[in-house]
C-alpha cells in the first residue's frame, strides 16, 4: 500500500510513494489526506516504549532504534509529500503539529520544504 511504501527504508521507494500520493490526491481528493496523513503523524508521535526489566534492556534498545527509524521515515515521507503538495498538505498538518507536545523537529523540517504555502 501507499502507507507502507511511505515508510520504506529505501529513499527511492518513499519518493515514488510520495508521487503516488500526489496522483491519489488528484484522483480522490481529501480522502487521500484523511487516510494517509494521520497514519504518518501517528507513526511520528508514538509514545515512548514503557519501562522494562533489566533483562529486557537489549530488546528495549532494539525496539527504540526501530521506532526512531520509523519516525524518521515518516518525517521524510511528509517532507516529500510537502514538496509535491504543500498548499494542500500544510493546512492539514499544522493543527496536528502544534498540539502539545509540539514536535519542533517535525515543524522545522516541514517548514523548510513548505515553500510558498507558508505565505498563504
PDB file of N, CA and C in Angstrom:
ATOM      1  N   UNK A   1       0.834  -1.185   0.000  1.00  0.00           N
ATOM      2  CA  UNK A   1       0.000   0.000   0.000  1.00  0.00           C
ATOM      3  C   UNK A   1       0.879   1.250   0.000  1.00  0.00           C
ATOM      4  N   UNK A   2       0.252   2.376  -0.223  1.00  0.00           N
ATOM      5  CA  UNK A   2       0.981   3.640  -0.224  1.00  0.00           C
ATOM      6  C   UNK A   2       1.543   3.919   1.168  1.00  0.00           C
ATOM      7  N   UNK A   3       0.776   3.608   2.202  1.00  0.00           N
ATOM      8  CA  UNK A   3       1.245   3.831   3.574  1.00  0.00           C
ATOM      9  C   UNK A   3       2.554   3.094   3.843  1.00  0.00           C
ATOM     10  N   UNK A   4       2.581   1.830   3.494  1.00  0.00           N
ATOM     11  CA  UNK A   4       3.798   1.038   3.724  1.00  0.00           C
ATOM     12  C   UNK A   4       4.966   1.584   2.927  1.00  0.00           C
ATOM     13  N   UNK A   5       4.714   1.943   1.683  1.00  0.00           N
ATOM     14  CA  UNK A   5       5.784   2.457   0.825  1.00  0.00           C
ATOM     15  C   UNK A   5       6.338   3.765   1.369  1.00  0.00           C
ATOM     16  N   UNK A   6       5.501   4.591   1.984  1.00  0.00           N
ATOM     17  CA  UNK A   6       5.962   5.854   2.550  1.00  0.00           C
ATOM     18  C   UNK A   6       6.893   5.645   3.740  1.00  0.00           C
ATOM     19  N   UNK A   7       6.835   4.476   4.366  1.00  0.00           N
ATOM     20  CA  UNK A   7       7.707   4.170   5.498  1.00  0.00           C
ATOM     21  C   UNK A   7       8.836   3.214   5.123  1.00  0.00           C
ATOM     22  N   UNK A   8       9.021   2.975   3.856  1.00  0.00           N
ATOM     23  CA  UNK A   8      10.048   2.046   3.399  1.00  0.00           C
ATOM     24  C   UNK A   8      11.439   2.590   3.719  1.00  0.00           C
ATOM     25  N   UNK A   9      12.379   1.705   4.077  1.00  0.00           N
ATOM     26  CA  UNK A   9      13.743   2.152   4.356  1.00  0.00           C
ATOM     27  C   UNK A   9      14.456   2.773   3.146  1.00  0.00           C
ATOM     28  N   UNK A  10      14.033   2.428   1.941  1.00  0.00           N
ATOM     29  CA  UNK A  10      14.698   2.956   0.748  1.00  0.00           C
ATOM     30  C   UNK A  10      14.107   4.307   0.353  1.00  0.00           C
ATOM     31  N   UNK A  11      14.965   5.283   0.217  1.00  0.00           N
ATOM     32  CA  UNK A  11      14.559   6.637  -0.154  1.00  0.00           C
ATOM     33  C   UNK A  11      13.809   6.652  -1.484  1.00  0.00           C
ATOM     34  N   UNK A  12      14.256   5.855  -2.423  1.00  0.00           N
ATOM     35  CA  UNK A  12      13.624   5.828  -3.750  1.00  0.00           C
ATOM     36  C   UNK A  12      12.173   5.360  -3.670  1.00  0.00           C
ATOM     37  N   UNK A  13      11.927   4.408  -2.794  1.00  0.00           N
ATOM     38  CA  UNK A  13      10.567   3.890  -2.621  1.00  0.00           C
ATOM     39  C   UNK A  13       9.697   4.971  -1.991  1.00  0.00           C
ATOM     40  N   UNK A  14      10.225   5.674  -0.973  1.00  0.00           N
ATOM     41  CA  UNK A  14       9.448   6.745  -0.343  1.00  0.00           C
ATOM     42  C   UNK A  14       9.160   7.879  -1.332  1.00  0.00           C
ATOM     43  N   UNK A  15      10.122   8.185  -2.192  1.00  0.00           N
ATOM     44  CA  UNK A  15       9.911   9.229  -3.192  1.00  0.00           C
ATOM     45  C   UNK A  15       8.808   8.814  -4.171  1.00  0.00           C
ATOM     46  N   UNK A  16       8.863   7.581  -4.626  1.00  0.00           N
ATOM     47  CA  UNK A  16       7.823   7.078  -5.534  1.00  0.00           C
ATOM     48  C   UNK A  16       6.460   7.058  -4.848  1.00  0.00           C
ATOM     49  N   UNK A  17       6.453   6.702  -3.582  1.00  0.00           N
ATOM     50  CA  UNK A  17       5.195   6.677  -2.829  1.00  0.00           C
ATOM     51  C   UNK A  17       4.624   8.088  -2.675  1.00  0.00           C
ATOM     52  N   UNK A  18       5.485   9.075  -2.502  1.00  0.00           N
ATOM     53  CA  UNK A  18       5.014  10.461  -2.415  1.00  0.00           C
ATOM     54  C   UNK A  18       4.380  10.891  -3.733  1.00  0.00           C
ATOM     55  N   UNK A  19       4.976  10.483  -4.843  1.00  0.00           N
ATOM     56  CA  UNK A  19       4.391  10.796  -6.150  1.00  0.00           C
ATOM     57  C   UNK A  19       3.056  10.061  -6.327  1.00  0.00           C
ATOM     58  N   UNK A  20       2.992   8.848  -5.829  1.00  0.00           N
ATOM     59  CA  UNK A  20       1.743   8.098  -5.880  1.00  0.00           C
ATOM     60  C   UNK A  20       0.678   8.798  -5.048  1.00  0.00           C
ATOM     61  N   UNK A  21       1.076   9.300  -3.872  1.00  0.00           N
ATOM     62  CA  UNK A  21       0.142  10.063  -3.046  1.00  0.00           C
ATOM     63  C   UNK A  21      -0.373  11.278  -3.812  1.00  0.00           C
ATOM     64  N   UNK A  22       0.517  11.963  -4.511  1.00  0.00           N
ATOM     65  CA  UNK A  22       0.113  13.132  -5.299  1.00  0.00           C
ATOM     66  C   UNK A  22      -0.948  12.744  -6.330  1.00  0.00           C
ATOM     67  N   UNK A  23      -0.717  11.641  -7.025  1.00  0.00           N
ATOM     68  CA  UNK A  23      -1.693  11.166  -8.012  1.00  0.00           C
ATOM     69  C   UNK A  23      -2.995  10.732  -7.347  1.00  0.00           C
ATOM     70  N   UNK A  24      -2.878  10.074  -6.213  1.00  0.00           N
ATOM     71  CA  UNK A  24      -4.053   9.638  -5.475  1.00  0.00           C
ATOM     72  C   UNK A  24      -4.886  10.844  -5.036  1.00  0.00           C
ATOM     73  N   UNK A  25      -4.214  11.862  -4.534  1.00  0.00           N
ATOM     74  CA  UNK A  25      -4.929  13.072  -4.118  1.00  0.00           C
ATOM     75  C   UNK A  25      -5.614  13.733  -5.303  1.00  0.00           C
ATOM     76  N   UNK A  26      -4.953  13.729  -6.447  1.00  0.00           N
ATOM     77  CA  UNK A  26      -5.566  14.308  -7.642  1.00  0.00           C
ATOM     78  C   UNK A  26      -6.807  13.531  -8.061  1.00  0.00           C
ATOM     79  N   UNK A  27      -6.815  12.235  -7.774  1.00  0.00           N
ATOM     80  CA  UNK A  27      -7.947  11.390  -8.164  1.00  0.00           C
ATOM     81  C   UNK A  27      -9.092  11.411  -7.164  1.00  0.00           C
ATOM     82  N   UNK A  28      -8.772  11.265  -5.867  1.00  0.00           N
ATOM     83  CA  UNK A  28      -9.847  11.123  -4.872  1.00  0.00           C
ATOM     84  C   UNK A  28      -9.944  12.290  -3.899  1.00  0.00           C
ATOM     85  N   UNK A  29      -9.083  13.267  -4.011  1.00  0.00           N
ATOM     86  CA  UNK A  29      -9.175  14.474  -3.191  1.00  0.00           C
ATOM     87  C   UNK A  29      -8.817  14.272  -1.738  1.00  0.00           C
ATOM     88  N   UNK A  30      -9.600  14.900  -0.862  1.00  0.00           N
ATOM     89  CA  UNK A  30      -9.266  14.932   0.567  1.00  0.00           C
ATOM     90  C   UNK A  30      -9.284  13.556   1.232  1.00  0.00           C
ATOM     91  N   UNK A  31      -9.908  12.595   0.613  1.00  0.00           N
ATOM     92  CA  UNK A  31      -9.894  11.243   1.185  1.00  0.00           C
ATOM     93  C   UNK A  31      -8.456  10.735   1.297  1.00  0.00           C
ATOM     94  N   UNK A  32      -7.618  11.093   0.346  1.00  0.00           N
ATOM     95  CA  UNK A  32      -6.207  10.692   0.406  1.00  0.00           C
ATOM     96  C   UNK A  32      -5.531  11.312   1.625  1.00  0.00           C
ATOM     97  N   UNK A  33      -5.836  12.576   1.891  1.00  0.00           N
ATOM     98  CA  UNK A  33      -5.282  13.238   3.077  1.00  0.00           C
ATOM     99  C   UNK A  33      -5.743  12.525   4.341  1.00  0.00           C
ATOM    100  N   UNK A  34      -7.035  12.259   4.422  1.00  0.00           N
ATOM    101  CA  UNK A  34      -7.628  11.673   5.625  1.00  0.00           C
ATOM    102  C   UNK A  34      -7.150  10.252   5.906  1.00  0.00           C
ATOM    103  N   UNK A  35      -6.758   9.535   4.873  1.00  0.00           N
ATOM    104  CA  UNK A  35      -6.349   8.140   5.071  1.00  0.00           C
ATOM    105  C   UNK A  35      -4.852   7.969   5.266  1.00  0.00           C
ATOM    106  N   UNK A  36      -4.054   8.892   4.767  1.00  0.00           N
ATOM    107  CA  UNK A  36      -2.608   8.684   4.808  1.00  0.00           C
ATOM    108  C   UNK A  36      -1.904   9.595   5.802  1.00  0.00           C
ATOM    109  N   UNK A  37      -2.245  10.868   5.843  1.00  0.00           N
ATOM    110  CA  UNK A  37      -1.528  11.797   6.720  1.00  0.00           C
ATOM    111  C   UNK A  37      -1.679  11.474   8.208  1.00  0.00           C
ATOM    112  N   UNK A  38      -2.882  11.138   8.704  1.00  0.00           N
ATOM    113  CA  UNK A  38      -2.971  10.771  10.124  1.00  0.00           C
ATOM    114  C   UNK A  38      -2.114   9.547  10.467  1.00  0.00           C
ATOM    115  N   UNK A  39      -2.037   8.618   9.549  1.00  0.00           N
ATOM    116  CA  UNK A  39      -1.196   7.433   9.758  1.00  0.00           C
ATOM    117  C   UNK A  39       0.265   7.847   9.948  1.00  0.00           C
ATOM    118  N   UNK A  40       0.771   8.715   9.069  1.00  0.00           N
ATOM    119  CA  UNK A  40       2.161   9.175   9.187  1.00  0.00           C
ATOM    120  C   UNK A  40       2.371   9.972  10.472  1.00  0.00           C
ATOM    121  N   UNK A  41       1.416  10.809  10.818  1.00  0.00           N
ATOM    122  CA  UNK A  41       1.522  11.576  12.065  1.00  0.00           C
ATOM    123  C   UNK A  41       1.548  10.657  13.283  1.00  0.00           C
ATOM    124  N   UNK A  42       0.730   9.607  13.263  1.00  0.00           N
ATOM    125  CA  UNK A  42       0.728   8.657  14.381  1.00  0.00           C
ATOM    126  C   UNK A  42       2.058   7.945  14.522  1.00  0.00           C
ATOM    127  N   UNK A  43       2.655   7.576  13.413  1.00  0.00           N
ATOM    128  CA  UNK A  43       3.970   6.919  13.470  1.00  0.00           C
ATOM    129  C   UNK A  43       4.996   7.875  14.068  1.00  0.00           C
ATOM    130  N   UNK A  44       4.932   9.138  13.677  1.00  0.00           N
ATOM    131  CA  UNK A  44       5.890  10.121  14.193  1.00  0.00           C
ATOM    132  C   UNK A  44       5.692  10.394  15.674  1.00  0.00           C
ATOM    133  N   UNK A  45       4.478  10.283  16.160  1.00  0.00           N
ATOM    134  CA  UNK A  45       4.170  10.689  17.530  1.00  0.00           C
ATOM    135  C   UNK A  45       3.959   9.524  18.481  1.00  0.00           C
ATOM    136  N   UNK A  46       4.478   8.364  18.120  1.00  0.00           N
ATOM    137  CA  UNK A  46       4.331   7.210  19.010  1.00  0.00           C
ATOM    138  C   UNK A  46       4.901   7.525  20.379  1.00  0.00           C
ATOM    139  N   UNK A  47       4.224   7.015  21.403  1.00  0.00           N
ATOM    140  CA  UNK A  47       4.718   7.190  22.765  1.00  0.00           C
ATOM    141  C   UNK A  47       5.985   6.382  22.957  1.00  0.00           C
ATOM    142  N   UNK A  48       6.765   6.776  23.927  1.00  0.00           N
ATOM    143  CA  UNK A  48       7.971   6.030  24.265  1.00  0.00           C
ATOM    144  C   UNK A  48       7.587   4.637  24.731  1.00  0.00           C
ATOM    145  N   UNK A  49       8.474   3.699  24.520  1.00  0.00           N
ATOM    146  CA  UNK A  49       8.236   2.317  24.939  1.00  0.00           C
ATOM    147  C   UNK A  49       8.273   2.250  26.462  1.00  0.00           C
ATOM    148  N   UNK A  50       7.311   1.578  27.084  1.00  0.00           N
ATOM    149  CA  UNK A  50       7.267   1.503  28.548  1.00  0.00           C
ATOM    150  C   UNK A  50       8.529   0.877  29.123  1.00  0.00           C
ATOM    151  N   UNK A  51       8.809   1.207  30.390  1.00  0.00           N
ATOM    152  CA  UNK A  51       9.975   0.650  31.066  1.00  0.00           C
ATOM    153  C   UNK A  51       9.866  -0.867  31.135  1.00  0.00           C
ATOM    154  N   UNK A  52      11.011  -1.518  31.002  1.00  0.00           N
ATOM    155  CA  UNK A  52      11.065  -2.978  31.078  1.00  0.00           C
ATOM    156  C   UNK A  52      12.124  -3.369  32.091  1.00  0.00           C
ATOM    157  N   UNK A  53      12.156  -4.651  32.452  1.00  0.00           N
ATOM    158  CA  UNK A  53      13.151  -5.115  33.401  1.00  0.00           C
ATOM    159  C   UNK A  53      14.528  -5.109  32.765  1.00  0.00           C
ATOM    160  N   UNK A  54      15.571  -5.157  33.585  1.00  0.00           N
ATOM    161  CA  UNK A  54      16.945  -5.114  33.089  1.00  0.00           C
ATOM    162  C   UNK A  54      17.249  -6.227  32.106  1.00  0.00           C
ATOM    163  N   UNK A  55      16.654  -7.386  32.288  1.00  0.00           N
ATOM    164  CA  UNK A  55      16.902  -8.498  31.387  1.00  0.00           C
ATOM    165  C   UNK A  55      16.427  -8.213  29.968  1.00  0.00           C
ATOM    166  N   UNK A  56      15.468  -7.326  29.825  1.00  0.00           N
ATOM    167  CA  UNK A  56      14.927  -6.992  28.511  1.00  0.00           C
ATOM    168  C   UNK A  56      15.517  -5.707  27.942  1.00  0.00           C
ATOM    169  N   UNK A  57      16.598  -5.210  28.536  1.00  0.00           N
ATOM    170  CA  UNK A  57      17.167  -3.925  28.122  1.00  0.00           C
ATOM    171  C   UNK A  57      17.588  -3.926  26.652  1.00  0.00           C
ATOM    172  N   UNK A  58      18.221  -5.007  26.175  1.00  0.00           N
ATOM    173  CA  UNK A  58      18.647  -5.061  24.775  1.00  0.00           C
ATOM    174  C   UNK A  58      17.461  -5.012  23.830  1.00  0.00           C
ATOM    175  N   UNK A  59      16.399  -5.743  24.156  1.00  0.00           N
ATOM    176  CA  UNK A  59      15.190  -5.715  23.328  1.00  0.00           C
ATOM    177  C   UNK A  59      14.595  -4.320  23.300  1.00  0.00           C
ATOM    178  N   UNK A  60      14.600  -3.653  24.450  1.00  0.00           N
ATOM    179  CA  UNK A  60      14.053  -2.300  24.532  1.00  0.00           C
ATOM    180  C   UNK A  60      14.844  -1.365  23.618  1.00  0.00           C
ATOM    181  N   UNK A  61      16.174  -1.466  23.658  1.00  0.00           N
ATOM    182  CA  UNK A  61      17.006  -0.603  22.812  1.00  0.00           C
ATOM    183  C   UNK A  61      16.768  -0.894  21.341  1.00  0.00           C
ATOM    184  N   UNK A  62      16.632  -2.166  20.968  1.00  0.00           N
ATOM    185  CA  UNK A  62      16.351  -2.522  19.574  1.00  0.00           C
ATOM    186  C   UNK A  62      15.015  -1.957  19.128  1.00  0.00           C
ATOM    187  N   UNK A  63      13.998  -2.060  20.001  1.00  0.00           N
ATOM    188  CA  UNK A  63      12.673  -1.554  19.657  1.00  0.00           C
ATOM    189  C   UNK A  63      12.697  -0.037  19.525  1.00  0.00           C
ATOM    190  N   UNK A  64      13.428   0.646  20.429  1.00  0.00           N
ATOM    191  CA  UNK A  64      13.507   2.108  20.353  1.00  0.00           C
ATOM    192  C   UNK A  64      14.219   2.539  19.080  1.00  0.00           C
ATOM    193  N   UNK A  65      15.286   1.820  18.716  1.00  0.00           N
ATOM    194  CA  UNK A  65      16.005   2.153  17.491  1.00  0.00           C
ATOM    195  C   UNK A  65      15.099   1.991  16.280  1.00  0.00           C
ATOM    196  N   UNK A  66      14.320   0.908  16.245  1.00  0.00           N
ATOM    197  CA  UNK A  66      13.391   0.683  15.146  1.00  0.00           C
ATOM    198  C   UNK A  66      12.335   1.782  15.109  1.00  0.00           C
ATOM    199  N   UNK A  67      11.812   2.136  16.275  1.00  0.00           N
ATOM    200  CA  UNK A  67      10.785   3.168  16.353  1.00  0.00           C
ATOM    201  C   UNK A  67      11.327   4.508  15.873  1.00  0.00           C
ATOM    202  N   UNK A  68      12.535   4.846  16.281  1.00  0.00           N
ATOM    203  CA  UNK A  68      13.137   6.096  15.828  1.00  0.00           C
ATOM    204  C   UNK A  68      13.300   6.090  14.317  1.00  0.00           C
ATOM    205  N   UNK A  69      13.668   4.968  13.770  1.00  0.00           N
ATOM    206  CA  UNK A  69      13.827   4.857  12.326  1.00  0.00           C
ATOM    207  C   UNK A  69      12.479   5.051  11.639  1.00  0.00           C
ATOM    208  N   UNK A  70      11.449   4.445  12.140  1.00  0.00           N
ATOM    209  CA  UNK A  70      10.125   4.615  11.553  1.00  0.00           C
ATOM    210  C   UNK A  70       9.682   6.069  11.623  1.00  0.00           C
ATOM    211  N   UNK A  71       9.973   6.728  12.736  1.00  0.00           N
ATOM    212  CA  UNK A  71       9.644   8.152  12.855  1.00  0.00           C
ATOM    213  C   UNK A  71      10.387   8.975  11.823  1.00  0.00           C
ATOM    214  N   UNK A  72      11.663   8.650  11.641  1.00  0.00           N
ATOM    215  CA  UNK A  72      12.454   9.361  10.634  1.00  0.00           C
ATOM    216  C   UNK A  72      11.899   9.129   9.238  1.00  0.00           C
ATOM    217  N   UNK A  73      11.500   7.911   8.942  1.00  0.00           N
ATOM    218  CA  UNK A  73      10.922   7.610   7.624  1.00  0.00           C
ATOM    219  C   UNK A  73       9.603   8.360   7.434  1.00  0.00           C
ATOM    220  N   UNK A  74       8.793   8.417   8.495  1.00  0.00           N
ATOM    221  CA  UNK A  74       7.517   9.126   8.402  1.00  0.00           C
ATOM    222  C   UNK A  74       7.741  10.615   8.163  1.00  0.00           C
ATOM    223  N   UNK A  75       8.711  11.196   8.869  1.00  0.00           N
ATOM    224  CA  UNK A  75       9.016  12.612   8.666  1.00  0.00           C
ATOM    225  C   UNK A  75       9.539  12.850   7.251  1.00  0.00           C
ATOM    226  N   UNK A  76      10.388  11.968   6.778  1.00  0.00           N
ATOM    227  CA  UNK A  76      10.886  12.090   5.409  1.00  0.00           C
ATOM    228  C   UNK A  76       9.746  11.977   4.407  1.00  0.00           C
ATOM    229  N   UNK A  77       8.833  11.067   4.643  1.00  0.00           N
ATOM    230  CA  UNK A  77       7.683  10.905   3.741  1.00  0.00           C
ATOM    231  C   UNK A  77       6.837  12.174   3.716  1.00  0.00           C
ATOM    232  N   UNK A  78       6.608  12.757   4.891  1.00  0.00           N
ATOM    233  CA  UNK A  78       5.838  14.002   4.940  1.00  0.00           C
ATOM    234  C   UNK A  78       6.561  15.130   4.212  1.00  0.00           C
ATOM    235  N   UNK A  79       7.875  15.172   4.351  1.00  0.00           N
ATOM    236  CA  UNK A  79       8.650  16.191   3.629  1.00  0.00           C
ATOM    237  C   UNK A  79       8.507  16.000   2.120  1.00  0.00           C
ATOM    238  N   UNK A  80       8.583  14.790   1.665  1.00  0.00           N
ATOM    239  CA  UNK A  80       8.470  14.506   0.232  1.00  0.00           C
ATOM    240  C   UNK A  80       7.068  14.843  -0.287  1.00  0.00           C
ATOM    241  N   UNK A  81       6.065  14.536   0.507  1.00  0.00           N
ATOM    242  CA  UNK A  81       4.700  14.891   0.132  1.00  0.00           C
ATOM    243  C   UNK A  81       4.549  16.411   0.108  1.00  0.00           C
ATOM    244  N   UNK A  82       5.127  17.079   1.102  1.00  0.00           N
ATOM    245  CA  UNK A  82       5.049  18.543   1.155  1.00  0.00           C
ATOM    246  C   UNK A  82       5.718  19.185  -0.059  1.00  0.00           C
ATOM    247  N   UNK A  83       6.806  18.604  -0.526  1.00  0.00           N
ATOM    248  CA  UNK A  83       7.480  19.153  -1.702  1.00  0.00           C
ATOM    249  C   UNK A  83       6.560  19.126  -2.917  1.00  0.00           C
ATOM    250  N   UNK A  84       5.667  18.148  -2.964  1.00  0.00           N
ATOM    251  CA  UNK A  84       4.775  17.996  -4.110  1.00  0.00           C
ATOM    252  C   UNK A  84       3.425  18.687  -3.921  1.00  0.00           C
ATOM    253  N   UNK A  85       2.917  18.711  -2.706  1.00  0.00           N
ATOM    254  CA  UNK A  85       1.549  19.194  -2.460  1.00  0.00           C
ATOM    255  C   UNK A  85       1.476  20.105  -1.233  1.00  0.00           C
ATOM    256  N   UNK A  86       2.408  20.990  -1.068  1.00  0.00           N
ATOM    257  CA  UNK A  86       2.479  21.766   0.172  1.00  0.00           C
ATOM    258  C   UNK A  86       1.238  22.630   0.413  1.00  0.00           C
ATOM    259  N   UNK A  87       0.660  23.192  -0.616  1.00  0.00           N
ATOM    260  CA  UNK A  87      -0.506  24.069  -0.420  1.00  0.00           C
ATOM    261  C   UNK A  87      -1.713  23.316   0.124  1.00  0.00           C
ATOM    262  N   UNK A  88      -1.794  22.050  -0.176  1.00  0.00           N
ATOM    263  CA  UNK A  88      -2.913  21.234   0.302  1.00  0.00           C
ATOM    264  C   UNK A  88      -2.580  20.592   1.645  1.00  0.00           C
ATOM    265  N   UNK A  89      -1.352  20.133   1.787  1.00  0.00           N
ATOM    266  CA  UNK A  89      -0.960  19.348   2.959  1.00  0.00           C
ATOM    267  C   UNK A  89      -0.656  20.217   4.178  1.00  0.00           C
ATOM    268  N   UNK A  90      -0.025  21.363   3.984  1.00  0.00           N
ATOM    269  CA  UNK A  90       0.365  22.199   5.119  1.00  0.00           C
ATOM    270  C   UNK A  90      -0.830  22.610   5.990  1.00  0.00           C
ATOM    271  N   UNK A  91      -1.922  23.115   5.410  1.00  0.00           N
ATOM    272  CA  UNK A  91      -3.066  23.470   6.263  1.00  0.00           C
ATOM    273  C   UNK A  91      -3.648  22.270   7.023  1.00  0.00           C
ATOM    274  N   UNK A  92      -3.475  21.088   6.484  1.00  0.00           N
ATOM    275  CA  UNK A  92      -3.941  19.870   7.147  1.00  0.00           C
ATOM    276  C   UNK A  92      -3.016  19.517   8.318  1.00  0.00           C
ATOM    277  N   UNK A  93      -1.706  19.651   8.121  1.00  0.00           N
ATOM    278  CA  UNK A  93      -0.735  19.215   9.121  1.00  0.00           C
ATOM    279  C   UNK A  93      -0.559  20.171  10.288  1.00  0.00           C
ATOM    280  N   UNK A  94      -0.590  21.466  10.035  1.00  0.00           N
ATOM    281  CA  UNK A  94      -0.263  22.439  11.078  1.00  0.00           C
ATOM    282  C   UNK A  94      -1.086  22.252  12.349  1.00  0.00           C
ATOM    283  N   UNK A  95      -2.409  22.120  12.267  1.00  0.00           N
ATOM    284  CA  UNK A  95      -3.160  21.934  13.518  1.00  0.00           C
ATOM    285  C   UNK A  95      -2.713  20.707  14.324  1.00  0.00           C
ATOM    286  N   UNK A  96      -2.287  19.671  13.646  1.00  0.00           N
ATOM    287  CA  UNK A  96      -1.821  18.463  14.343  1.00  0.00           C
ATOM    288  C   UNK A  96      -0.435  18.674  14.940  1.00  0.00           C
ATOM    289  N   UNK A  97       0.427  19.376  14.234  1.00  0.00           N
ATOM    290  CA  UNK A  97       1.810  19.542  14.677  1.00  0.00           C
ATOM    291  C   UNK A  97       1.971  20.549  15.810  1.00  0.00           C
ATOM    292  N   UNK A  98       1.013  21.445  15.981  1.00  0.00           N
ATOM    293  CA  UNK A  98       1.156  22.453  17.036  1.00  0.00           C
ATOM    294  C   UNK A  98       0.452  22.063  18.328  1.00  0.00           C
ATOM    295  N   UNK A  99      -0.159  20.893  18.357  1.00  0.00           N
ATOM    296  CA  UNK A  99      -0.767  20.414  19.591  1.00  0.00           C
ATOM    297  C   UNK A  99       0.315  19.857  20.508  1.00  0.00           C
ATOM    298  N   UNK A 100       0.212  20.124  21.821  1.00  0.00           N
ATOM    299  CA  UNK A 100       1.213  19.592  22.748  1.00  0.00           C
ATOM    300  C   UNK A 100       1.206  18.071  22.753  1.00  0.00           C
ATOM    301  N   UNK A 101       2.319  17.441  22.866  1.00  0.00           N
ATOM    302  CA  UNK A 101       3.653  18.041  22.847  1.00  0.00           C
ATOM    303  C   UNK A 101       4.061  18.398  21.413  1.00  0.00           C
ATOM    304  N   UNK A 102       4.549  19.605  21.247  1.00  0.00           N
ATOM    305  CA  UNK A 102       4.923  20.097  19.922  1.00  0.00           C
ATOM    306  C   UNK A 102       6.216  19.426  19.480  1.00  0.00           C
ATOM    307  N   UNK A 103       6.194  18.906  18.274  1.00  0.00           N
ATOM    308  CA  UNK A 103       7.374  18.256  17.692  1.00  0.00           C
ATOM    309  C   UNK A 103       8.132  19.314  16.882  1.00  0.00           C
ATOM    310  N   UNK A 104       9.077  19.962  17.546  1.00  0.00           N
ATOM    311  CA  UNK A 104       9.829  21.060  16.931  1.00  0.00           C
ATOM    312  C   UNK A 104      10.619  20.575  15.725  1.00  0.00           C
ATOM    313  N   UNK A 105      11.202  19.396  15.826  1.00  0.00           N
ATOM    314  CA  UNK A 105      11.975  18.861  14.702  1.00  0.00           C
ATOM    315  C   UNK A 105      11.087  18.703  13.465  1.00  0.00           C
ATOM    316  N   UNK A 106       9.909  18.160  13.647  1.00  0.00           N
ATOM    317  CA  UNK A 106       8.990  17.970  12.523  1.00  0.00           C
ATOM    318  C   UNK A 106       8.552  19.313  11.946  1.00  0.00           C
ATOM    319  N   UNK A 107       8.200  20.250  12.826  1.00  0.00           N
ATOM    320  CA  UNK A 107       7.778  21.570  12.356  1.00  0.00           C
ATOM    321  C   UNK A 107       8.888  22.241  11.552  1.00  0.00           C
ATOM    322  N   UNK A 108      10.096  22.208  12.068  1.00  0.00           N
ATOM    323  CA  UNK A 108      11.223  22.843  11.382  1.00  0.00           C
ATOM    324  C   UNK A 108      11.502  22.165  10.045  1.00  0.00           C
ATOM    325  N   UNK A 109      11.485  20.849  10.035  1.00  0.00           N
ATOM    326  CA  UNK A 109      11.773  20.113   8.802  1.00  0.00           C
ATOM    327  C   UNK A 109      10.727  20.377   7.732  1.00  0.00           C
ATOM    328  N   UNK A 110       9.467  20.414   8.131  1.00  0.00           N
ATOM    329  CA  UNK A 110       8.401  20.641   7.161  1.00  0.00           C
ATOM    330  C   UNK A 110       8.351  22.097   6.706  1.00  0.00           C
ATOM    331  N   UNK A 111       8.754  23.007   7.574  1.00  0.00           N
ATOM    332  CA  UNK A 111       8.816  24.411   7.195  1.00  0.00           C
ATOM    333  C   UNK A 111       9.833  24.631   6.086  1.00  0.00           C
ATOM    334  N   UNK A 112      10.922  23.885   6.142  1.00  0.00           N
ATOM    335  CA  UNK A 112      11.967  24.030   5.120  1.00  0.00           C
ATOM    336  C   UNK A 112      11.477  23.675   3.715  1.00  0.00           C
ATOM    337  N   UNK A 113      10.536  22.772   3.614  1.00  0.00           N
ATOM    338  CA  UNK A 113      10.054  22.340   2.299  1.00  0.00           C
ATOM    339  C   UNK A 113       8.694  22.925   1.945  1.00  0.00           C
ATOM    340  N   UNK A 114       8.116  23.752   2.818  1.00  0.00           N
ATOM    341  CA  UNK A 114       6.780  24.278   2.590  1.00  0.00           C
ATOM    342  C   UNK A 114       6.718  25.267   1.427  1.00  0.00           C
ATOM    343  N   UNK A 115       7.790  25.979   1.187  1.00  0.00           N
ATOM    344  CA  UNK A 115       7.809  26.927   0.059  1.00  0.00           C
ATOM    345  C   UNK A 115       6.764  28.011   0.196  1.00  0.00           C
ATOM    346  N   UNK A 116       6.081  28.294  -0.903  1.00  0.00           N
ATOM    347  CA  UNK A 116       5.094  29.373  -0.964  1.00  0.00           C
ATOM    348  C   UNK A 116       3.877  29.109  -0.089  1.00  0.00           C
ATOM    349  N   UNK A 117       3.661  27.881   0.298  1.00  0.00           N
ATOM    350  CA  UNK A 117       2.477  27.556   1.101  1.00  0.00           C
ATOM    351  C   UNK A 117       2.478  28.286   2.440  1.00  0.00           C
ATOM    352  N   UNK A 118       3.643  28.651   2.950  1.00  0.00           N
ATOM    353  CA  UNK A 118       3.723  29.357   4.223  1.00  0.00           C
ATOM    354  C   UNK A 118       3.199  30.790   4.103  1.00  0.00           C
ATOM    355  N   UNK A 119       3.284  31.354   2.951  1.00  0.00           N
ATOM    356  CA  UNK A 119       2.879  32.740   2.758  1.00  0.00           C
ATOM    357  C   UNK A 119       1.383  32.890   2.531  1.00  0.00           C
ATOM    358  N   UNK A 120       0.679  31.792   2.414  1.00  0.00           N
ATOM    359  CA  UNK A 120      -0.758  31.865   2.115  1.00  0.00           C
ATOM    360  C   UNK A 120      -1.601  31.486   3.283  1.00  0.00           C
TER     361      UNK A 120
END
